[in-house]
């Protein structure tokens, strides 16, 4: 952008920020979004935010960091709590929570607050695009966010929740965010400080509220599996958690500790390898498989193996890695008789289905305990691609009825999948 246009855009932003209402700001931003190069103007505004100095600069930059890099939209209260975290402190200080009016000022008008809905938004979609494509503005955003989340979880208030049912100063929805996403941020940027905080958290992880909040988000688990009360203790170690998130720099030191057993199942019998495979973390899977003592085909309490979970979730690379092992049975059924192929077919993962069918020992027509074959699992859910693959195999019997006496065609018609 030449100097004249750069100054012109800067003047437009200056004028926009002086508009009395958010509606006027949005209107004027939209008018200049095409052709004037807002990127340069946003850069100028970021410099204005930094030039405020002190706490105002910190609040402004961190607010924009969270709004542009959080894994889900944050409420106004969540954002304020995130900005109030004091790294290095073991106690959350409520006095650090900024007001929403302060945030608007510190962000130089780039954010807007809806008090009724308790939400905070960037005033124009182009700001999100600019901030997402320029993460250097915040240094290492995911590293910083992981440290903030872990500090929040390590606070005295968070540690007391499992034993204390009285009101707390922490924001429970942000506590949930930290519990669910700290590892996602850490995987993208793990600092020495975050490593230290995580290892400290793991020392008491099976009795920490964040464990329950994380596992409540896992689809294949039921509330009964993880308990219904905050104070109920259940077995889920730091190694299980590090494998869940696939953070190899945490898995490595943990597997070297005598207190951790690489084949130990958690409350549901899930081994660390199962969690890594279930979530598609190929590097963590390779690291765990590199251990001589690891049991790569060990199932959980439902009989599902690492391969079964990788297949059910469509993680092709992990499926290939596991199939390289001679001690992995590609045709092993769970307690309901469902094989990895059956689970991949049920979920419609064509790539995994083709990979498994490439193994001679895989039976493409093996029925589960209810008489449902991989083909039935596919057409019941309307997965046309998988149905086409299986129909091309001579070993698939279309006329064999299930335990209810229905043939493939009858069942497909009953489920209303016309094209199938």
Protein backbone atom coordinates (compact mmCIF):
# COMPACT_ATOMS: atom_id res chain seq x y z
CA UNK A 1 0.00 0.00 0.00
CA UNK A 2 1.47 3.40 -0.95
CA UNK A 3 1.88 6.14 1.68
CA UNK A 4 -1.14 8.17 0.48
CA UNK A 5 -3.52 5.19 0.66
CA UNK A 6 -2.06 4.13 4.01
CA UNK A 7 -2.76 7.56 5.47
CA UNK A 8 -6.23 7.60 3.92
CA UNK A 9 -7.13 4.25 5.51
CA UNK A 10 -5.74 5.41 8.84
CA UNK A 11 -7.91 8.50 8.72
CA UNK A 12 -10.96 6.39 7.96
CA UNK A 13 -10.30 4.16 10.96
CA UNK A 14 -9.71 7.21 13.15
CA UNK A 15 -13.07 8.57 12.08
CA UNK A 16 -14.83 5.23 12.50
CA UNK A 17 -13.61 4.87 16.04
CA UNK A 18 -15.16 8.23 16.90
CA UNK A 19 -18.64 7.15 15.77
CA UNK A 20 -21.07 7.14 18.72
CA UNK A 21 -22.75 3.77 17.99
CA UNK A 22 -21.59 0.34 16.92
CA UNK A 23 -24.07 0.42 14.05
CA UNK A 24 -22.42 3.49 12.56
CA UNK A 25 -19.00 1.88 12.96
CA UNK A 26 -20.10 -1.28 11.18
CA UNK A 27 -21.70 0.73 8.38
CA UNK A 28 -18.59 2.77 7.73
CA UNK A 29 -16.29 -0.26 7.96
CA UNK A 30 -18.36 -2.07 5.36
CA UNK A 31 -18.11 0.89 2.98
CA UNK A 32 -14.33 0.95 3.03
CA UNK A 33 -13.76 -2.82 3.35
CA UNK A 34 -13.37 -3.19 -0.42
CA UNK A 35 -10.48 -1.38 -1.99
CA UNK A 36 -8.87 0.57 0.85
CA UNK A 37 -6.87 -2.30 2.37
CA UNK A 38 -8.08 -2.55 5.94
CA UNK A 39 -5.08 -4.70 6.87
CA UNK A 40 -2.84 -1.66 7.02
CA UNK A 41 -5.39 0.28 9.03
CA UNK A 42 -5.82 -2.55 11.50
CA UNK A 43 -2.07 -2.65 11.88
CA UNK A 44 -2.12 1.04 12.80
CA UNK A 45 -4.89 0.41 15.32
CA UNK A 46 -2.94 -2.45 16.90
CA UNK A 47 -0.01 -0.08 17.32
CA UNK A 48 -2.38 2.42 18.97
CA UNK A 49 -3.46 -0.27 21.42
CA UNK A 50 0.15 -1.12 22.25
CA UNK A 51 1.01 2.56 22.62
CA UNK A 52 -1.47 2.91 25.50
CA UNK A 53 1.11 1.19 27.66
CA UNK A 54 0.75 -0.61 30.97
CA UNK A 55 -2.37 -2.56 31.83
CA UNK A 56 -4.46 -0.97 29.06
CA UNK A 57 -2.12 -2.30 26.39
CA UNK A 58 -2.07 -5.76 27.99
CA UNK A 59 -5.86 -5.93 28.27
CA UNK A 60 -6.40 -4.74 24.71
CA UNK A 61 -3.96 -7.17 23.09
CA UNK A 62 -5.01 -10.15 25.22
CA UNK A 63 -8.70 -9.49 24.61
CA UNK A 64 -8.12 -9.54 20.84
CA UNK A 65 -5.95 -12.65 21.22
CA UNK A 66 -8.71 -14.58 23.00
CA UNK A 67 -11.41 -13.39 20.63
CA UNK A 68 -9.44 -14.40 17.53
CA UNK A 69 -7.83 -17.65 18.73
CA UNK A 70 -10.26 -19.21 21.22
CA UNK A 71 -11.65 -22.59 20.19
CA UNK A 72 -15.20 -21.39 20.68
CA UNK A 73 -16.78 -17.95 21.18
CA UNK A 74 -16.39 -16.68 24.73
CA UNK A 75 -19.06 -14.92 26.74
CA UNK A 76 -18.26 -11.51 28.19
CA UNK A 77 -17.77 -13.02 31.65
CA UNK A 78 -15.47 -15.73 30.34
CA UNK A 79 -13.32 -13.18 28.54
CA UNK A 80 -13.06 -10.99 31.62
CA UNK A 81 -12.00 -13.96 33.75
CA UNK A 82 -9.39 -14.97 31.18
CA UNK A 83 -7.93 -11.47 31.29
CA UNK A 84 -7.87 -11.48 35.09
CA UNK A 85 -5.57 -14.49 35.40
CA UNK A 86 -2.23 -13.63 36.97
CA UNK A 87 0.41 -16.05 35.70
CA UNK A 88 2.45 -17.44 38.54
CA UNK A 89 -0.25 -16.88 41.13
CA UNK A 90 -1.86 -19.83 42.92
CA UNK A 91 -5.02 -17.87 43.69
CA UNK A 92 -7.48 -16.21 41.34
CA UNK A 93 -7.92 -12.56 42.28
CA UNK A 94 -11.44 -11.25 41.58
CA UNK A 95 -10.15 -7.68 41.83
CA UNK A 96 -8.30 -8.22 38.54
CA UNK A 97 -11.52 -8.72 36.57
CA UNK A 98 -11.84 -5.75 34.16
CA UNK A 99 -15.12 -4.01 33.38
CA UNK A 100 -16.59 -4.32 29.90
CA UNK A 101 -16.38 -0.57 29.37
CA UNK A 102 -12.66 -0.73 30.14
CA UNK A 103 -12.20 -3.48 27.55
CA UNK A 104 -13.94 -1.45 24.84
CA UNK A 105 -11.63 1.48 25.52
CA UNK A 106 -8.50 -0.68 25.68
CA UNK A 107 -9.37 -2.33 22.35
CA UNK A 108 -9.75 1.08 20.68
CA UNK A 109 -13.28 0.35 19.53
CA UNK A 110 -12.47 -2.91 17.68
CA UNK A 111 -14.89 -4.87 19.89
CA UNK A 112 -18.53 -4.47 20.77
CA UNK A 113 -20.47 -5.70 23.81
CA UNK A 114 -24.05 -6.92 23.87
CA UNK A 115 -25.03 -6.52 27.51
CA UNK A 116 -28.34 -8.35 27.20
CA UNK A 117 -26.78 -11.42 25.58
CA UNK A 118 -23.56 -11.05 27.60
CA UNK A 119 -21.44 -11.48 24.47
CA UNK A 120 -18.39 -9.73 23.08
CA UNK A 121 -17.72 -9.55 19.35
CA UNK A 122 -15.28 -7.98 16.93
CA UNK A 123 -17.00 -5.14 15.10
CA UNK A 124 -16.25 -6.52 11.61
CA UNK A 125 -15.42 -9.94 10.17
CA UNK A 126 -12.32 -8.57 8.45
CA UNK A 127 -10.75 -7.96 11.87
CA UNK A 128 -11.02 -11.68 12.64
CA UNK A 129 -9.38 -12.49 9.30
CA UNK A 130 -6.58 -10.01 9.94
CA UNK A 131 -5.86 -11.21 13.48
CA UNK A 132 -6.01 -14.90 12.54
CA UNK A 133 -3.55 -14.40 9.70
CA UNK A 134 -1.18 -12.34 11.87
CA UNK A 135 -0.69 -14.37 15.07
CA UNK A 136 2.72 -12.73 15.60
CA UNK A 137 0.82 -9.75 16.99
CA UNK A 138 0.35 -11.77 20.16
CA UNK A 139 3.73 -13.49 20.24
CA UNK A 140 2.79 -17.14 20.76
CA UNK A 141 -0.98 -16.99 21.30
CA UNK A 142 -1.63 -20.69 21.93
CA UNK A 143 1.28 -20.90 24.35
CA UNK A 144 -0.05 -17.93 26.30
CA UNK A 145 -3.61 -19.31 26.30
CA UNK A 146 -2.42 -22.73 27.52
CA UNK A 147 -0.55 -21.08 30.40
CA UNK A 148 -3.59 -18.99 31.33
CA UNK A 149 -5.93 -22.01 31.24
CA UNK A 150 -3.58 -24.13 33.34
CA UNK A 151 -3.06 -21.33 35.86
CA UNK A 152 -6.85 -21.02 36.20
CA UNK A 153 -7.16 -24.77 36.75
CA UNK A 154 -4.31 -24.74 39.27
CA UNK A 155 -5.87 -21.96 41.37
CA UNK A 156 -6.89 -22.70 44.94
CA UNK A 157 -10.50 -22.03 44.03
CA UNK A 158 -10.52 -24.68 41.28
CA UNK A 159 -8.77 -27.26 43.44
CA UNK A 160 -11.35 -26.73 46.18
CA UNK A 161 -14.41 -27.37 44.01
CA UNK A 162 -14.38 -31.16 44.33
CA UNK A 163 -14.50 -30.87 48.10
CA UNK A 164 -16.46 -27.65 48.51
CA UNK A 165 -19.99 -27.15 47.18
CA UNK A 166 -20.23 -23.53 48.33
CA UNK A 167 -20.30 -20.67 45.74
CA UNK A 168 -16.92 -19.94 44.17
CA UNK A 169 -15.41 -16.88 42.52
CA UNK A 170 -14.47 -18.75 39.35
CA UNK A 171 -16.59 -18.56 36.24
CA UNK A 172 -17.81 -22.11 35.69
CA UNK A 173 -18.18 -21.78 31.93
CA UNK A 174 -14.60 -20.51 31.60
CA UNK A 175 -13.53 -23.28 33.96
CA UNK A 176 -15.10 -25.70 31.48
CA UNK A 177 -13.30 -23.98 28.59
CA UNK A 178 -9.96 -24.34 30.36
CA UNK A 179 -10.66 -27.98 31.18
CA UNK A 180 -11.62 -28.90 27.62
CA UNK A 181 -9.22 -26.79 25.57
CA UNK A 182 -6.03 -26.23 27.56
CA UNK A 183 -4.50 -29.28 25.90
CA UNK A 184 -5.57 -28.15 22.43
CA UNK A 185 -3.69 -24.88 22.93
CA UNK A 186 -0.72 -26.64 24.57
CA UNK A 187 -0.41 -29.06 21.65
CA UNK A 188 0.12 -26.06 19.36
CA UNK A 189 2.56 -24.31 21.68
CA UNK A 190 3.87 -25.98 24.84
CA UNK A 191 6.20 -23.80 26.92
CA UNK A 192 8.39 -24.88 29.83
CA UNK A 193 6.01 -23.04 32.15
CA UNK A 194 2.96 -24.81 30.73
CA UNK A 195 4.77 -28.15 31.01
CA UNK A 196 5.47 -27.50 34.68
CA UNK A 197 1.86 -26.47 35.34
CA UNK A 198 0.49 -29.52 33.52
CA UNK A 199 2.71 -31.95 35.40
CA UNK A 200 1.64 -30.37 38.68
CA UNK A 201 -2.02 -30.66 37.66
CA UNK A 202 -1.53 -34.33 36.76
CA UNK A 203 -0.39 -35.12 40.29
CA UNK A 204 -4.00 -34.69 41.44
CA UNK A 205 -5.78 -35.11 38.12
CA UNK A 206 -8.08 -38.02 38.91
CA UNK A 207 -9.59 -35.96 41.75
CA UNK A 208 -9.73 -32.60 39.92
CA UNK A 209 -12.92 -30.98 38.62
CA UNK A 210 -11.32 -30.35 35.22
CA UNK A 211 -11.14 -34.11 34.59
CA UNK A 212 -14.90 -34.51 34.87
CA UNK A 213 -15.56 -31.41 32.77
CA UNK A 214 -13.28 -32.74 30.03
CA UNK A 215 -14.76 -36.23 29.94
CA UNK A 216 -18.33 -34.94 29.92
CA UNK A 217 -17.56 -33.69 26.41
CA UNK A 218 -16.51 -37.13 25.11
CA UNK A 219 -19.34 -38.42 22.93
CA UNK A 220 -19.00 -42.16 23.51
CA UNK A 221 -19.09 -41.81 27.30
CA UNK A 222 -22.29 -41.68 29.31
CA UNK A 223 -22.86 -39.54 32.44
CA UNK A 224 -23.04 -42.78 34.44
CA UNK A 225 -19.53 -43.70 33.29
CA UNK A 226 -17.90 -40.62 34.78
CA UNK A 227 -20.15 -39.97 37.75
CA UNK A 228 -22.81 -37.36 38.34
CA UNK A 229 -21.31 -35.41 41.24
CA UNK A 230 -18.39 -32.98 41.12
CA UNK A 231 -16.88 -34.60 44.18
CA UNK A 232 -17.04 -38.18 42.89
CA UNK A 233 -13.56 -39.57 42.28
CA UNK A 234 -12.79 -41.76 39.29
CA UNK A 235 -9.56 -43.05 37.80
CA UNK A 236 -8.09 -40.96 34.95
CA UNK A 237 -4.37 -40.23 35.12
CA UNK A 238 -2.12 -37.58 33.66
CA UNK A 239 -0.83 -40.06 31.08
CA UNK A 240 -4.39 -40.72 29.93
CA UNK A 241 -4.94 -36.97 29.62
CA UNK A 242 -1.68 -36.25 27.78
CA UNK A 243 -2.52 -39.08 25.35
CA UNK A 244 -6.07 -37.76 24.98
CA UNK A 245 -4.70 -34.43 23.75
CA UNK A 246 -1.80 -36.05 21.89
CA UNK A 247 0.85 -33.85 23.51
CA UNK A 248 3.96 -35.92 22.88
CA UNK A 249 6.15 -33.57 24.93
CA UNK A 250 4.04 -34.49 27.96
CA UNK A 251 3.56 -38.16 27.10
CA UNK A 252 7.34 -38.66 26.91
CA UNK A 253 8.22 -37.62 30.49
CA UNK A 254 5.16 -39.35 31.94
CA UNK A 255 5.91 -42.78 30.46
CA UNK A 256 9.31 -42.54 32.08
CA UNK A 257 7.85 -42.19 35.56
CA UNK A 258 7.44 -45.27 37.71
CA UNK A 259 4.03 -44.07 38.90
CA UNK A 260 2.54 -44.51 35.41
CA UNK A 261 1.69 -47.80 33.71
CA UNK A 262 1.44 -47.45 29.93
CA UNK A 263 -1.11 -50.30 29.76
CA UNK A 264 -3.26 -49.15 32.66
CA UNK A 265 -6.91 -48.60 31.90
CA UNK A 266 -8.83 -45.64 33.30
CA UNK A 267 -12.33 -45.75 34.82
CA UNK A 268 -13.62 -47.19 31.53
CA UNK A 269 -10.65 -49.38 30.78
CA UNK A 270 -9.27 -46.95 28.17
CA UNK A 271 -5.50 -47.24 27.92
CA UNK A 272 -3.39 -44.21 26.94
CA UNK A 273 -3.02 -45.78 23.48
CA UNK A 274 -6.81 -46.00 23.12
CA UNK A 275 -7.18 -42.28 23.87
CA UNK A 276 -4.42 -41.32 21.43
CA UNK A 277 -5.90 -43.52 18.69
CA UNK A 278 -9.47 -42.40 19.39
CA UNK A 279 -8.54 -38.76 18.82
CA UNK A 280 -6.28 -39.37 15.83
CA UNK A 281 -2.96 -38.34 17.42
CA UNK A 282 -0.59 -40.29 15.19
CA UNK A 283 2.65 -39.05 16.77
CA UNK A 284 1.49 -40.01 20.26
CA UNK A 285 0.38 -43.40 18.90
CA UNK A 286 3.84 -43.97 17.41
CA UNK A 287 5.51 -42.99 20.66
CA UNK A 288 3.38 -45.37 22.71
CA UNK A 289 3.80 -48.21 20.21
CA UNK A 290 7.53 -47.71 20.44
CA UNK A 291 7.46 -49.02 24.01
CA UNK A 292 8.32 -52.70 24.29
CA UNK A 293 5.80 -53.30 27.07
CA UNK A 294 2.80 -51.69 25.35
CA UNK A 295 -0.19 -53.89 24.46
CA UNK A 296 -1.53 -52.44 21.19
CA UNK A 297 -4.67 -54.57 21.07
CA UNK A 298 -5.79 -54.18 24.70
CA UNK A 299 -9.54 -53.36 24.81
CA UNK A 300 -11.55 -51.22 27.21
CA UNK A 301 -14.47 -52.49 29.28
CA UNK A 302 -16.72 -52.52 26.16
CA UNK A 303 -14.22 -54.58 24.20
CA UNK A 304 -13.18 -51.73 21.90
CA UNK A 305 -9.49 -51.71 20.92
CA UNK A 306 -7.34 -48.76 19.77
CA UNK A 307 -7.92 -49.88 16.18
CA UNK A 308 -11.69 -49.97 16.71
CA UNK A 309 -11.73 -46.37 17.95
CA UNK A 310 -9.43 -45.15 15.19
CA UNK A 311 -11.67 -46.84 12.61
CA UNK A 312 -14.90 -45.55 14.13
CA UNK A 313 -13.56 -41.97 14.05
CA UNK A 314 -12.08 -42.15 10.57
CA UNK A 315 -8.41 -41.67 11.50
CA UNK A 316 -6.82 -43.29 8.48
CA UNK A 317 -3.19 -42.61 9.39
CA UNK A 318 -3.62 -44.12 12.84
CA UNK A 319 -5.39 -47.15 11.35
CA UNK A 320 -2.43 -47.72 9.01
CA UNK A 321 0.06 -47.38 11.88
CA UNK A 322 -1.80 -49.91 14.04
CA UNK A 323 -2.21 -52.39 11.18
CA UNK A 324 1.56 -52.50 10.77
CA UNK A 325 1.69 -54.39 14.07
CA UNK A 326 1.38 -58.17 13.89
CA UNK A 327 -0.12 -58.20 17.38
CA UNK A 328 -3.14 -56.15 16.27
CA UNK A 329 -6.18 -58.18 15.16
CA UNK A 330 -7.99 -56.22 12.41
CA UNK A 331 -11.06 -58.44 12.74
CA UNK A 332 -11.39 -58.35 16.54
CA UNK A 333 -15.01 -57.77 17.66
CA UNK A 334 -16.08 -55.82 20.73
CA UNK A 335 -18.56 -57.15 23.29
CA UNK A 336 -21.43 -56.39 20.90
CA UNK A 337 -19.74 -58.30 18.11
CA UNK A 338 -18.86 -55.19 16.11
CA UNK A 339 -15.53 -55.35 14.28
CA UNK A 340 -13.40 -52.30 13.34
CA UNK A 341 -14.81 -52.64 9.79
CA UNK A 342 -18.37 -52.63 11.11
CA UNK A 343 -17.68 -49.47 13.14
CA UNK A 344 -16.03 -47.69 10.20
CA UNK A 345 -18.96 -48.65 7.96
CA UNK A 346 -21.45 -47.41 10.54
CA UNK A 347 -19.74 -44.00 10.60
CA UNK A 348 -19.36 -43.80 6.81
CA UNK A 349 -15.54 -43.62 6.70
CA UNK A 350 -14.85 -44.89 3.18
CA UNK A 351 -11.07 -44.49 3.43
CA UNK A 352 -10.84 -46.62 6.56
CA UNK A 353 -13.20 -49.23 5.06
CA UNK A 354 -10.92 -49.59 2.04
CA UNK A 355 -7.82 -49.86 4.24
CA UNK A 356 -9.36 -52.62 6.37
CA UNK A 357 -10.67 -54.51 3.34
CA UNK A 358 -7.11 -54.61 2.10
CA UNK A 359 -6.36 -57.16 4.83
CA UNK A 360 -7.19 -60.76 3.89
CA UNK A 361 -8.23 -61.72 7.40
CA UNK A 362 -10.95 -59.03 7.57
CA UNK A 363 -14.40 -60.58 7.09
CA UNK A 364 -16.59 -58.03 5.24
CA UNK A 365 -19.75 -59.95 6.09
CA UNK A 366 -19.22 -60.69 9.79
CA UNK A 367 -22.43 -60.20 11.77
CA UNK A 368 -22.52 -58.66 15.24
CA UNK A 369 -24.54 -59.96 18.18
CA UNK A 370 -27.71 -58.51 16.65
CA UNK A 371 -27.18 -60.04 13.23
CA UNK A 372 -26.13 -56.70 11.67
CA UNK A 373 -23.33 -56.89 9.12
CA UNK A 374 -21.04 -54.02 8.02
CA UNK A 375 -23.32 -53.46 5.01
CA UNK A 376 -26.35 -53.15 7.28
CA UNK A 377 -24.53 -50.69 9.53
CA UNK A 378 -23.72 -48.58 6.47
CA UNK A 379 -27.15 -48.52 4.85
CA UNK A 380 -28.98 -47.98 8.15
CA UNK A 381 -27.14 -44.65 8.37
CA UNK A 382 -27.42 -43.81 4.67
CA UNK A 383 -23.69 -44.03 3.85
CA UNK A 384 -23.95 -44.58 0.08
CA UNK A 385 -20.19 -44.60 -0.55
CA UNK A 386 -19.57 -47.42 1.92
CA UNK A 387 -22.59 -49.32 0.59
CA UNK A 388 -21.16 -49.16 -2.94
CA UNK A 389 -17.77 -50.46 -1.73
CA UNK A 390 -19.31 -53.41 0.11
CA UNK A 391 -21.75 -54.28 -2.69
CA UNK A 392 -18.74 -54.79 -4.93
CA UNK A 393 -17.49 -57.68 -2.78
CA UNK A 394 -18.45 -61.27 -3.57
CA UNK A 395 -18.33 -62.23 0.11
CA UNK A 396 -21.21 -59.91 1.03
CA UNK A 397 -24.50 -61.77 1.23
CA UNK A 398 -27.50 -59.54 0.48
CA UNK A 399 -30.10 -62.22 1.14
CA UNK A 400 -28.96 -63.22 4.64
CA UNK A 401 -31.49 -61.78 7.17
CA UNK A 402 -30.53 -60.14 10.46
CA UNK A 403 -31.78 -61.28 13.87
CA UNK A 404 -35.11 -59.54 13.16
CA UNK A 405 -35.59 -61.45 9.92
CA UNK A 406 -34.98 -58.46 7.65
CA UNK A 407 -32.85 -58.62 4.52
CA UNK A 408 -30.60 -55.73 3.46
CA UNK A 409 -33.18 -54.32 1.05
CA UNK A 410 -36.00 -54.54 3.57
CA UNK A 411 -33.96 -52.78 6.26
CA UNK A 412 -32.72 -50.04 3.92
CA UNK A 413 -36.29 -49.34 2.80
CA UNK A 414 -37.44 -49.29 6.40
CA UNK A 415 -34.88 -46.60 7.25
CA UNK A 416 -36.11 -44.41 4.38
CA UNK A 417 -32.80 -44.16 2.51
CA UNK A 418 -34.21 -44.06 -1.02
CA UNK A 419 -30.90 -43.86 -2.91
CA UNK A 420 -29.43 -46.75 -0.91
